[in-house]
Protein backbone atom coordinates (compact mmCIF):
# COMPACT_ATOMS: atom_id res chain seq x y z
CA MET A 1 45.63 -16.60 -52.87
CA GLY A 2 45.81 -14.61 -56.25
CA LEU A 3 42.11 -13.80 -56.73
CA THR A 4 40.58 -12.74 -54.66
CA SER A 5 37.18 -10.78 -55.74
CA VAL A 6 33.76 -12.73 -55.19
CA GLY A 7 32.97 -14.27 -58.41
CA LEU A 8 35.25 -12.38 -61.02
CA GLY A 9 36.15 -15.62 -62.48
CA SER A 10 33.11 -17.80 -62.24
CA GLY A 11 30.62 -15.10 -62.69
CA LEU A 12 28.42 -16.90 -60.12
CA ASP A 13 26.44 -14.54 -56.61
CA ILE A 14 29.06 -16.58 -54.20
CA ASN A 15 27.95 -14.25 -51.68
CA GLY A 16 23.92 -15.08 -52.14
CA ILE A 17 24.93 -18.59 -52.75
CA VAL A 18 26.64 -18.28 -48.98
CA SER A 19 24.26 -16.67 -47.53
CA ALA A 20 21.75 -19.10 -48.71
CA LEU A 21 23.45 -22.00 -47.55
CA VAL A 22 24.03 -20.69 -44.30
CA THR A 23 20.30 -19.48 -44.23
CA SER A 24 19.13 -22.97 -44.98
CA GLU A 25 21.71 -24.52 -42.46
CA GLN A 26 21.09 -21.83 -39.44
CA ALA A 27 17.23 -21.08 -39.83
CA PRO A 28 15.69 -24.83 -38.09
CA LYS A 29 17.94 -24.17 -35.34
CA VAL A 30 17.48 -20.33 -34.82
CA ALA A 31 13.69 -21.43 -34.88
CA GLN A 32 14.12 -23.92 -32.27
CA PHE A 33 15.42 -21.14 -30.24
CA ASN A 34 12.92 -18.63 -30.57
CA SER A 35 9.99 -21.26 -29.36
CA LYS A 36 12.18 -22.56 -26.43
CA GLU A 37 12.50 -18.78 -25.46
CA GLY A 38 8.99 -17.85 -25.54
CA ALA A 39 7.70 -20.71 -23.91
CA ILE A 40 9.88 -20.22 -21.14
CA ASN A 41 9.09 -16.93 -20.97
CA ALA A 42 5.97 -17.45 -21.19
CA GLU A 43 5.79 -19.92 -18.20
CA ILE A 44 7.87 -17.41 -16.33
CA SER A 45 4.65 -14.93 -17.26
CA ALA A 46 2.12 -17.42 -16.39
CA LEU A 47 3.65 -18.24 -12.89
CA GLY A 48 4.30 -14.54 -12.14
CA SER A 49 0.76 -14.02 -12.95
CA LEU A 50 -0.60 -17.06 -10.67
CA LYS A 51 2.02 -15.76 -7.90
CA SER A 52 0.47 -12.14 -8.25
CA ALA A 53 -3.45 -13.68 -7.40
CA LEU A 54 -1.85 -15.64 -5.07
CA SER A 55 -0.25 -13.25 -3.15
CA GLU A 56 -3.37 -10.84 -3.49
CA PHE A 57 -5.43 -13.83 -1.90
CA LYS A 58 -3.02 -13.94 0.76
CA ASP A 59 -3.24 -10.32 1.61
CA SER A 60 -6.96 -10.97 1.91
CA LEU A 61 -6.26 -13.46 4.91
CA SER A 62 -4.45 -10.76 7.44
CA PHE A 63 -7.79 -9.06 8.31
CA LEU A 64 -9.48 -12.74 9.50
CA SER A 65 -6.19 -13.78 10.60
CA LYS A 66 -6.13 -11.23 13.29
CA THR A 67 -8.96 -12.31 16.63
CA ASP A 68 -8.44 -8.00 17.10
CA SER A 69 -10.51 -7.75 13.93
CA PHE A 70 -13.26 -9.83 15.06
CA ASP A 71 -13.66 -7.62 18.43
CA SER A 72 -14.03 -4.41 16.77
CA GLN A 73 -16.56 -2.47 18.50
CA SER A 74 -18.98 0.72 16.91
CA VAL A 75 -20.48 3.34 18.52
CA SER A 76 -23.60 5.63 17.67
CA VAL A 77 -25.80 8.32 18.83
CA SER A 78 -29.07 9.14 18.91
CA LYS A 79 -28.56 12.74 17.65
CA ASN A 80 -25.43 14.46 17.44
CA THR A 81 -26.28 18.00 18.37
CA TYR A 82 -25.14 17.41 21.73
CA LEU A 83 -22.21 15.02 21.56
CA THR A 84 -20.51 12.27 19.30
CA ALA A 85 -17.99 9.57 20.30
CA SER A 86 -15.45 6.95 19.60
CA VAL A 87 -14.84 3.51 20.70
CA THR A 88 -12.18 1.17 20.92
CA ASN A 89 -12.25 -2.73 20.74
CA SER A 90 -12.17 -2.62 24.84
CA ALA A 91 -15.65 -1.29 25.16
CA VAL A 92 -18.55 -3.22 26.24
CA SER A 93 -21.89 -3.73 24.29
CA GLY A 94 -24.74 -1.26 25.85
CA SER A 95 -26.87 1.66 25.93
CA TYR A 96 -26.28 4.70 27.92
CA SER A 97 -28.29 7.64 28.42
CA VAL A 98 -26.33 10.90 28.06
CA SER A 99 -26.98 15.10 28.75
CA VAL A 100 -24.46 17.80 28.77
CA GLU A 101 -24.76 20.51 31.33
CA GLN A 102 -22.17 22.46 30.88
CA LEU A 103 -19.06 22.79 28.14
CA ALA A 104 -15.78 22.85 29.56
CA GLN A 105 -14.60 26.76 28.51
CA SER A 106 -10.85 28.68 28.76
CA GLN A 107 -10.06 31.48 30.97
CA LYS A 108 -9.28 34.98 29.08
CA VAL A 109 -7.76 37.70 31.23
CA GLY A 110 -7.16 40.87 30.60
CA SER A 111 -4.74 43.81 31.16
CA LEU A 112 -4.81 47.47 32.27
CA ALA A 113 -6.76 48.95 29.50
CA VAL A 114 -4.03 51.53 27.76
CA SER A 115 -5.01 54.00 24.45
CA ASP A 116 -1.69 53.30 23.14
CA VAL A 117 -0.39 50.00 23.06
CA THR A 118 2.95 51.14 20.97
CA ALA A 119 3.83 53.29 24.28
CA PRO A 120 6.91 52.38 26.06
CA LEU A 121 6.33 50.44 29.81
CA ASP A 122 9.03 50.34 32.21
CA GLU A 123 12.42 47.48 33.31
CA GLY A 124 10.97 44.64 35.06
CA SER A 125 9.65 40.84 34.41
CA LEU A 126 6.34 39.01 33.96
CA ASN A 127 5.53 36.00 35.52
CA PHE A 128 2.95 33.47 33.92
CA ALA A 129 1.80 30.15 35.96
CA VAL A 130 -1.04 27.89 34.86
CA ASP A 131 -1.90 24.73 36.55
CA GLY A 132 1.72 25.08 38.76
CA ASN A 133 4.21 25.71 36.09
CA SER A 134 5.06 29.23 35.40
CA PHE A 135 7.70 30.90 33.18
CA ASP A 136 9.45 34.68 33.17
CA ILE A 137 9.60 37.18 30.76
CA ALA A 138 11.82 39.80 30.73
CA VAL A 139 10.67 43.24 30.14
CA THR A 140 12.65 46.41 28.84
CA ALA A 141 12.15 49.81 29.03
CA GLU A 142 11.59 50.02 25.35
CA ASP A 143 8.91 47.00 25.45
CA THR A 144 5.39 48.08 24.86
CA LEU A 145 2.07 45.66 25.48
CA GLN A 146 2.53 44.94 21.42
CA THR A 147 6.02 43.65 21.23
CA LEU A 148 5.25 41.80 24.88
CA VAL A 149 2.72 39.47 22.93
CA ALA A 150 5.10 38.70 20.26
CA LYS A 151 7.44 37.81 23.27
CA ILE A 152 4.98 35.36 25.34
CA ASN A 153 3.57 33.52 22.25
CA ALA A 154 7.12 33.54 20.72
CA ASP A 155 8.66 31.91 24.40
CA GLU A 156 10.06 28.47 24.09
CA ASN A 157 9.36 27.99 27.57
CA ASN A 158 5.23 29.10 27.33
CA VAL A 159 3.68 26.86 29.74
CA GLY A 160 -0.04 27.06 27.52
CA ILE A 161 -1.32 30.59 27.31
CA THR A 162 -1.85 32.81 23.77
CA ALA A 163 -1.86 36.94 24.17
CA THR A 164 -3.24 38.93 22.23
CA ILE A 165 -4.40 42.74 21.89
CA VAL A 166 -8.63 43.59 22.08
CA ASN A 167 -9.36 47.20 21.26
CA SER A 168 -12.76 47.90 23.52
CA ASP A 169 -14.30 51.59 23.99
CA ASP A 170 -11.68 51.58 27.21
CA GLY A 171 -9.13 51.12 25.30
CA ALA A 172 -6.73 47.71 24.02
CA LYS A 173 -6.29 45.34 26.30
CA LEU A 174 -3.48 42.58 26.48
CA VAL A 175 -5.82 39.93 26.22
CA LEU A 176 -4.10 36.08 27.34
CA THR A 177 -6.43 33.21 27.41
CA SER A 178 -5.69 29.65 28.80
CA ASN A 179 -4.94 27.12 25.99
CA LYS A 180 -6.59 24.68 28.19
CA THR A 181 -9.95 24.22 29.58
CA GLY A 182 -10.91 23.81 32.68
CA THR A 183 -10.90 25.66 36.08
CA ALA A 184 -7.32 23.87 36.48
CA ASN A 185 -5.87 25.97 33.94
CA ASN A 186 -7.06 29.31 35.57
CA VAL A 187 -3.87 32.19 34.11
CA ILE A 188 -2.34 34.01 37.47
CA VAL A 189 0.27 36.98 36.59
CA SER A 190 2.70 37.78 38.37
CA ALA A 191 4.44 41.30 37.21
CA THR A 192 7.33 42.48 39.16
CA ASP A 193 9.30 46.52 38.56
CA THR A 194 12.67 47.40 38.64
CA GLY A 195 12.37 50.81 37.68
CA THR A 196 10.72 53.37 39.49
CA GLY A 197 7.55 53.21 39.01
CA THR A 198 5.13 50.58 39.44
CA VAL A 199 4.45 50.60 35.47
CA LEU A 200 4.63 47.20 35.40
CA ALA A 201 2.25 46.19 38.14
CA ASP A 202 -0.34 48.48 37.26
CA THR A 203 -0.66 47.50 33.80
CA PHE A 204 -0.57 43.87 34.34
CA ALA A 205 -2.87 43.61 37.66
CA MET A 206 -5.34 41.28 35.67
CA THR A 207 -9.50 41.17 35.58
CA GLU A 208 -11.38 37.95 34.17
CA LEU A 209 -13.18 38.54 31.37
CA GLN A 210 -14.29 34.98 31.14
CA PRO A 211 -14.08 32.02 33.62
CA ALA A 212 -12.49 28.95 33.06
CA LYS A 213 -15.35 25.96 33.61
CA ASP A 214 -15.31 22.30 33.66
CA SER A 215 -17.28 20.25 31.56
CA ILE A 216 -19.99 18.24 33.29
CA VAL A 217 -22.08 15.58 31.71
CA TYR A 218 -24.96 12.99 33.05
CA ILE A 219 -24.68 9.34 32.61
CA ASP A 220 -27.53 7.19 33.16
CA GLY A 221 -27.81 9.89 36.01
CA LEU A 222 -24.29 9.82 36.89
CA LYS A 223 -22.95 13.38 36.96
CA LEU A 224 -19.13 13.34 36.30
CA THR A 225 -17.18 17.08 35.75
CA SER A 226 -14.33 17.04 33.32
CA SER A 227 -11.37 19.84 32.96
CA SER A 228 -12.58 19.14 29.11
CA ASN A 229 -14.80 18.73 26.32
CA THR A 230 -13.14 15.41 25.08
CA VAL A 231 -14.36 13.67 28.16
CA GLU A 232 -12.06 9.71 27.99
CA GLY A 233 -12.94 6.57 30.35
CA ALA A 234 -16.48 7.60 31.69
CA ILE A 235 -17.68 5.00 29.80
CA ASP A 236 -14.89 2.15 29.59
CA GLY A 237 -13.35 2.17 26.31
CA VAL A 238 -15.55 5.12 24.65
CA THR A 239 -14.62 8.99 23.83
CA LEU A 240 -17.38 11.59 24.89
CA ASN A 241 -16.71 14.85 22.12
CA LEU A 242 -18.98 17.15 23.76
CA LYS A 243 -20.81 19.99 21.47
CA GLU A 244 -23.74 21.57 23.09
CA ALA A 245 -24.95 21.94 27.02
CA ASP A 246 -29.23 21.57 27.44
CA ILE A 247 -29.52 19.51 30.30
CA ALA A 248 -33.03 19.12 29.93
CA GLN A 249 -31.45 17.35 26.54
CA LEU A 250 -31.01 13.13 26.16
CA THR A 251 -28.85 11.86 23.74
CA THR A 252 -28.64 7.66 23.81
CA LEU A 253 -25.48 6.50 23.13
CA THR A 254 -25.15 3.20 21.59
CA VAL A 255 -22.39 0.19 21.83
CA LYS A 256 -22.41 -2.71 20.04
CA GLN A 257 -20.24 -5.09 18.24
CA ASN A 258 -19.14 -3.64 14.95
CA THR A 259 -19.87 -6.85 12.45
CA ASN A 260 -20.02 -4.75 9.57
CA SER A 261 -16.04 -4.25 9.81
CA ILE A 262 -16.27 -8.12 9.61
CA LYS A 263 -18.38 -8.20 6.82
CA SER A 264 -16.07 -6.80 4.63
CA GLY A 265 -13.45 -8.36 5.37
CA ILE A 266 -14.99 -11.62 4.74
CA LYS A 267 -16.17 -10.40 1.34
CA SER A 268 -12.41 -8.69 0.51
CA PHE A 269 -12.45 -12.44 1.30
CA VAL A 270 -14.44 -14.37 -1.09
CA GLU A 271 -13.48 -11.54 -3.76
CA ALA A 272 -9.75 -12.29 -3.75
CA PHE A 273 -10.64 -15.75 -3.47
CA ASN A 274 -12.85 -15.50 -6.97
CA ALA A 275 -10.17 -13.34 -8.71
CA MET A 276 -7.72 -16.04 -8.19
CA SER A 277 -9.32 -18.56 -9.14
CA LYS A 278 -10.27 -17.09 -12.28
CA THR A 279 -6.35 -16.52 -13.08
CA ILE A 280 -5.82 -20.52 -12.32
CA THR A 281 -8.75 -21.03 -14.82
CA ASP A 282 -6.95 -18.64 -17.37
CA LEU A 283 -3.92 -20.04 -17.16
CA THR A 284 -4.92 -23.10 -17.21
CA SER A 285 -8.03 -23.57 -19.98
CA TYR A 286 -8.17 -25.28 -23.01
CA ASN A 287 -10.58 -23.33 -26.02
CA SER A 288 -11.05 -26.22 -28.06
CA ALA A 289 -12.59 -24.35 -31.29
CA THR A 290 -9.33 -22.91 -31.75
CA GLN A 291 -6.97 -25.57 -29.72
CA THR A 292 -4.97 -24.01 -28.25
CA ALA A 293 -3.99 -24.62 -24.20
CA ALA A 294 -3.11 -21.74 -21.93
CA VAL A 295 0.49 -21.97 -20.69
CA LEU A 296 -0.46 -23.93 -17.67
CA GLN A 297 -2.96 -25.87 -19.42
CA GLY A 298 -1.86 -29.84 -17.34
CA ASP A 299 0.59 -28.29 -14.94
CA SER A 300 0.30 -30.19 -11.67
CA LEU A 301 1.18 -26.87 -9.80
CA PRO A 302 -2.27 -24.75 -10.58
CA ARG A 303 -3.88 -28.15 -9.65
CA GLY A 304 -2.48 -28.34 -7.01
CA ILE A 305 -3.18 -24.90 -5.11
CA GLN A 306 -7.22 -25.75 -5.69
CA SER A 307 -7.06 -28.57 -4.36
CA GLN A 308 -5.15 -27.70 -1.63
CA LEU A 309 -6.92 -24.61 -1.31
CA ARG A 310 -11.21 -26.35 -2.16
CA GLY A 311 -10.02 -28.69 0.62
CA VAL A 312 -10.04 -26.00 3.12
CA ILE A 313 -12.79 -24.23 1.98
CA SER A 314 -14.97 -26.88 1.84
CA SER A 315 -13.58 -27.79 5.73
CA ALA A 316 -15.57 -27.98 8.72
CA PHE A 317 -13.59 -26.57 11.96
CA SER A 318 -14.23 -27.26 15.76
CA THR A 319 -15.02 -24.28 17.65
CA SER A 320 -16.20 -24.02 21.45
CA GLY A 321 -20.00 -24.22 20.10
CA GLY A 322 -19.42 -26.63 18.16
CA ASN A 323 -18.48 -27.49 14.12
CA LEU A 324 -18.91 -24.46 11.88
CA SER A 325 -18.52 -23.81 8.07
CA LEU A 326 -18.26 -21.48 5.64
CA ALA A 327 -21.20 -22.81 4.08
CA SER A 328 -23.12 -22.26 7.36
CA ILE A 329 -22.32 -18.96 7.79
CA GLY A 330 -23.86 -18.28 4.21
CA ILE A 331 -20.40 -18.83 2.14
CA THR A 332 -20.99 -21.48 -0.45
CA THR A 333 -19.18 -23.11 -3.48
CA THR A 334 -20.79 -22.66 -7.13
CA ARG A 335 -20.56 -24.81 -9.37
CA SER A 336 -17.58 -22.94 -11.51
CA GLY A 337 -15.88 -23.63 -8.13
CA THR A 338 -15.66 -19.70 -6.70
CA LEU A 339 -17.33 -18.52 -3.71
CA GLU A 340 -20.32 -16.73 -2.84
CA ILE A 341 -22.24 -15.18 -0.05
CA ASP A 342 -25.37 -15.25 1.31
CA ASP A 343 -26.07 -12.25 2.88
CA ASP A 344 -28.83 -12.62 5.19
CA ILE A 345 -27.19 -16.85 6.28
CA LEU A 346 -24.16 -14.38 7.43
CA THR A 347 -26.07 -11.33 8.61
CA GLU A 348 -27.66 -13.57 10.97
CA ALA A 349 -24.48 -16.32 12.12
CA LEU A 350 -22.43 -12.88 12.82
CA THR A 351 -25.39 -11.45 14.99
CA ASN A 352 -26.00 -15.21 17.25
CA ASN A 353 -22.62 -16.29 17.02
CA VAL A 354 -19.07 -13.82 16.16
CA ALA A 355 -17.45 -15.54 19.12
CA GLY A 356 -17.56 -18.88 16.55
CA ILE A 357 -17.27 -17.18 14.08
CA LYS A 358 -13.85 -15.96 15.30
CA GLU A 359 -12.49 -19.53 16.74
CA MET A 360 -13.12 -20.90 13.06
CA PHE A 361 -11.28 -17.87 11.23
CA THR A 362 -8.32 -16.90 13.82
CA THR A 363 -7.98 -20.22 15.79
CA GLU A 364 -3.58 -20.68 15.27
CA ASP A 365 -3.44 -23.68 13.22
CA THR A 366 -6.18 -24.99 12.08
CA GLY A 367 -8.38 -21.57 11.56
CA VAL A 368 -9.55 -21.09 8.18
CA ALA A 369 -7.28 -17.53 7.64
CA THR A 370 -5.13 -19.44 9.38
CA LYS A 371 -4.31 -22.45 7.60
CA LEU A 372 -5.13 -20.98 3.95
CA ASP A 373 -2.39 -18.69 5.24
CA GLY A 374 0.18 -21.95 5.59
CA TYR A 375 -0.56 -23.21 2.57
CA LEU A 376 -0.21 -20.28 0.57
CA ASP A 377 2.96 -19.40 2.09
CA SER A 378 4.40 -22.32 0.82
CA TYR A 379 4.06 -21.04 -2.89
CA VAL A 380 4.25 -16.96 -2.71
CA GLY A 381 7.23 -16.84 0.73
CA THR A 382 10.58 -16.70 0.06
CA GLY A 383 12.05 -20.11 -1.36
CA SER A 384 8.08 -20.90 -2.04
CA ILE A 385 7.31 -23.43 -4.88
CA ILE A 386 7.05 -21.05 -7.59
CA ASP A 387 10.51 -19.34 -7.07
CA SER A 388 12.22 -22.55 -7.00
CA ARG A 389 10.11 -22.94 -10.93
CA ASP A 390 11.07 -19.79 -11.78
CA SER A 391 14.60 -20.31 -10.99
CA SER A 392 15.13 -23.44 -12.60
CA LEU A 393 12.95 -21.51 -15.68
CA ASP A 394 15.90 -18.99 -15.58
CA SER A 395 18.56 -21.49 -15.18
CA ASN A 396 16.92 -23.00 -18.59
CA LEU A 397 17.23 -19.27 -20.50
CA GLU A 398 21.10 -18.84 -19.28
CA ARG A 399 21.83 -22.61 -21.01
CA LEU A 400 19.31 -21.26 -23.99
CA ASN A 401 21.73 -18.34 -24.40
CA ASP A 402 24.98 -19.88 -24.23
CA GLN A 403 22.99 -22.64 -26.66
CA ARG A 404 22.69 -19.93 -29.09
CA GLU A 405 26.11 -18.36 -28.93
CA VAL A 406 27.60 -21.69 -29.34
CA PHE A 407 25.39 -21.86 -32.67
CA ALA A 408 26.55 -18.56 -33.62
CA ARG A 409 30.39 -19.53 -33.66
CA LYS A 410 29.30 -22.33 -35.21
CA MET A 411 27.42 -20.74 -38.29
CA ALA A 412 30.57 -18.15 -38.40
CA SER A 413 32.61 -20.42 -38.78
CA PHE A 414 30.60 -22.41 -41.52
CA GLU A 415 30.30 -19.17 -43.14
CA ALA A 416 33.75 -18.71 -43.12
CA ARG A 417 34.38 -22.12 -44.44
CA LEU A 418 31.67 -21.89 -47.48
CA PHE A 419 33.52 -18.65 -48.45
CA LYS A 420 36.88 -20.06 -48.52
CA GLN A 421 35.69 -23.63 -50.41
CA TYR A 422 33.45 -21.15 -53.07
CA ASN A 423 36.67 -18.21 -53.24
CA TYR A 424 38.76 -20.86 -54.13
CA MET A 425 36.71 -22.38 -57.08
CA ASP A 426 36.17 -19.15 -58.15
CA LEU A 427 40.03 -18.87 -58.82
CA ILE A 428 40.53 -22.33 -60.18
CA VAL A 429 37.58 -21.23 -62.96
CA GLY A 430 39.40 -18.20 -63.39
CA GLN A 431 42.48 -19.75 -64.21
CA LEU A 432 40.75 -22.76 -66.59
CA SER A 433 39.12 -19.45 -68.37
CA THR A 434 42.29 -17.55 -68.99
CA GLN A 435 44.01 -20.77 -69.97
CA SER A 436 41.51 -21.83 -72.57
CA SER A 437 41.46 -18.00 -73.94
CA ASP A 438 45.75 -17.99 -74.13
CA LEU A 439 45.06 -21.55 -75.89
CA GLN A 440 42.47 -20.20 -78.31
CA SER A 441 44.42 -17.45 -79.90
CA ARG A 442 48.00 -19.70 -79.77
CA LEU A 443 45.74 -21.77 -82.00
CA ASP A 444 44.14 -18.52 -84.09
CA SER A 445 47.65 -17.64 -84.77
CA LEU A 446 48.96 -20.44 -86.69
CA PRO A 447 49.45 -20.78 -90.10
CA GLY A 448 47.17 -22.31 -92.66
CA LEU A 449 44.58 -22.40 -90.12
CA VAL A 450 41.09 -20.37 -90.91
CA LYS A 451 39.12 -20.09 -88.40
CA GLN A 452 35.21 -20.92 -88.99
CA ASN A 453 32.33 -19.10 -87.95
CA ASN A 454 29.61 -20.18 -87.02
């Protein structure tokens, strides 16, 4: 084409005209695309919030679905001056009188006192034994009491001895302490001189500085001796940690069912259920004042979830002692659909029938926790209903993006066609204008013609 400068022939704003035409054609469809994309993304976000709330509620069921959670025991002592205690679930509920006669302690032995711990000793070897196990240290002519301390403590075969230097009025001694308490863990030292004298044998003729002792404890008048101050097995499932000895002082130790942990688990369950219920309410609500519906308002998915879970919550469950329900142990449903706990009723129920409550929550397939967990897994597990919805929505987004691309190509073609048409028109107008001017010029130049001025 001869004329390519836009608008030169006609004087029209061809760019503006084409832009306006393209926009008028494009804008409604783009708005439609944006609306669809916004709705899909809003639904994906809503489903994510729903899945998160359901997952948190499902997590709260973990504690209540385990039988061990209802077998938990607690232990207390009337005073912790003389002992503390810990307990496992195998402990049997009961009360015990405990007195501590003697604490266990480690043996300490000392070498011959010397005036200079850096003075060389003699060649030879030292053998250290504790409770049938031993290790050897080679002594060179350059070794001193000071270097032997480092050798003993650093030896990889050390069987439980700590060496140190202790200074006294009589001089410095190498002191060995058994790392374990009790009379079975006495330290035995044997010295062998390979030099000319008996320096090692003389120096390591050990004297006892502190005798080893076993702990002695009385439980309901029965004496028990232990090599440690941590006494296990004296009472089945109970570990005693002895702190101070006084045979005249009795400490009452009580083992009982740990209902506090069960209460805490039930409280977490109720809080998670209520949080989930609020999320579902928010996602399905309708604001009559603003006439605005939430993203999942009218959606059958959240309604189905609520219906299934509330059906379990309101059910009665068979136990060995008869039927139980959440309401019977103080967990009731409010008018708004949330749960609330009557602490007095729950406390009484746990005190009188913890075995029945355990059955109600944990019975496989039919218990509260296990049944709810099964329902929830179908919504939040891998390949669940919500996952399928998400996959479908992702596919919708991909199709929408494909439609955007097709439409963009269509609009680019439409724009190119308009420019072609308007540029061609502009060229024709320009040519006609030129011809008109040329004709007028020729007419004006004819003889006898007088140009009239308007």
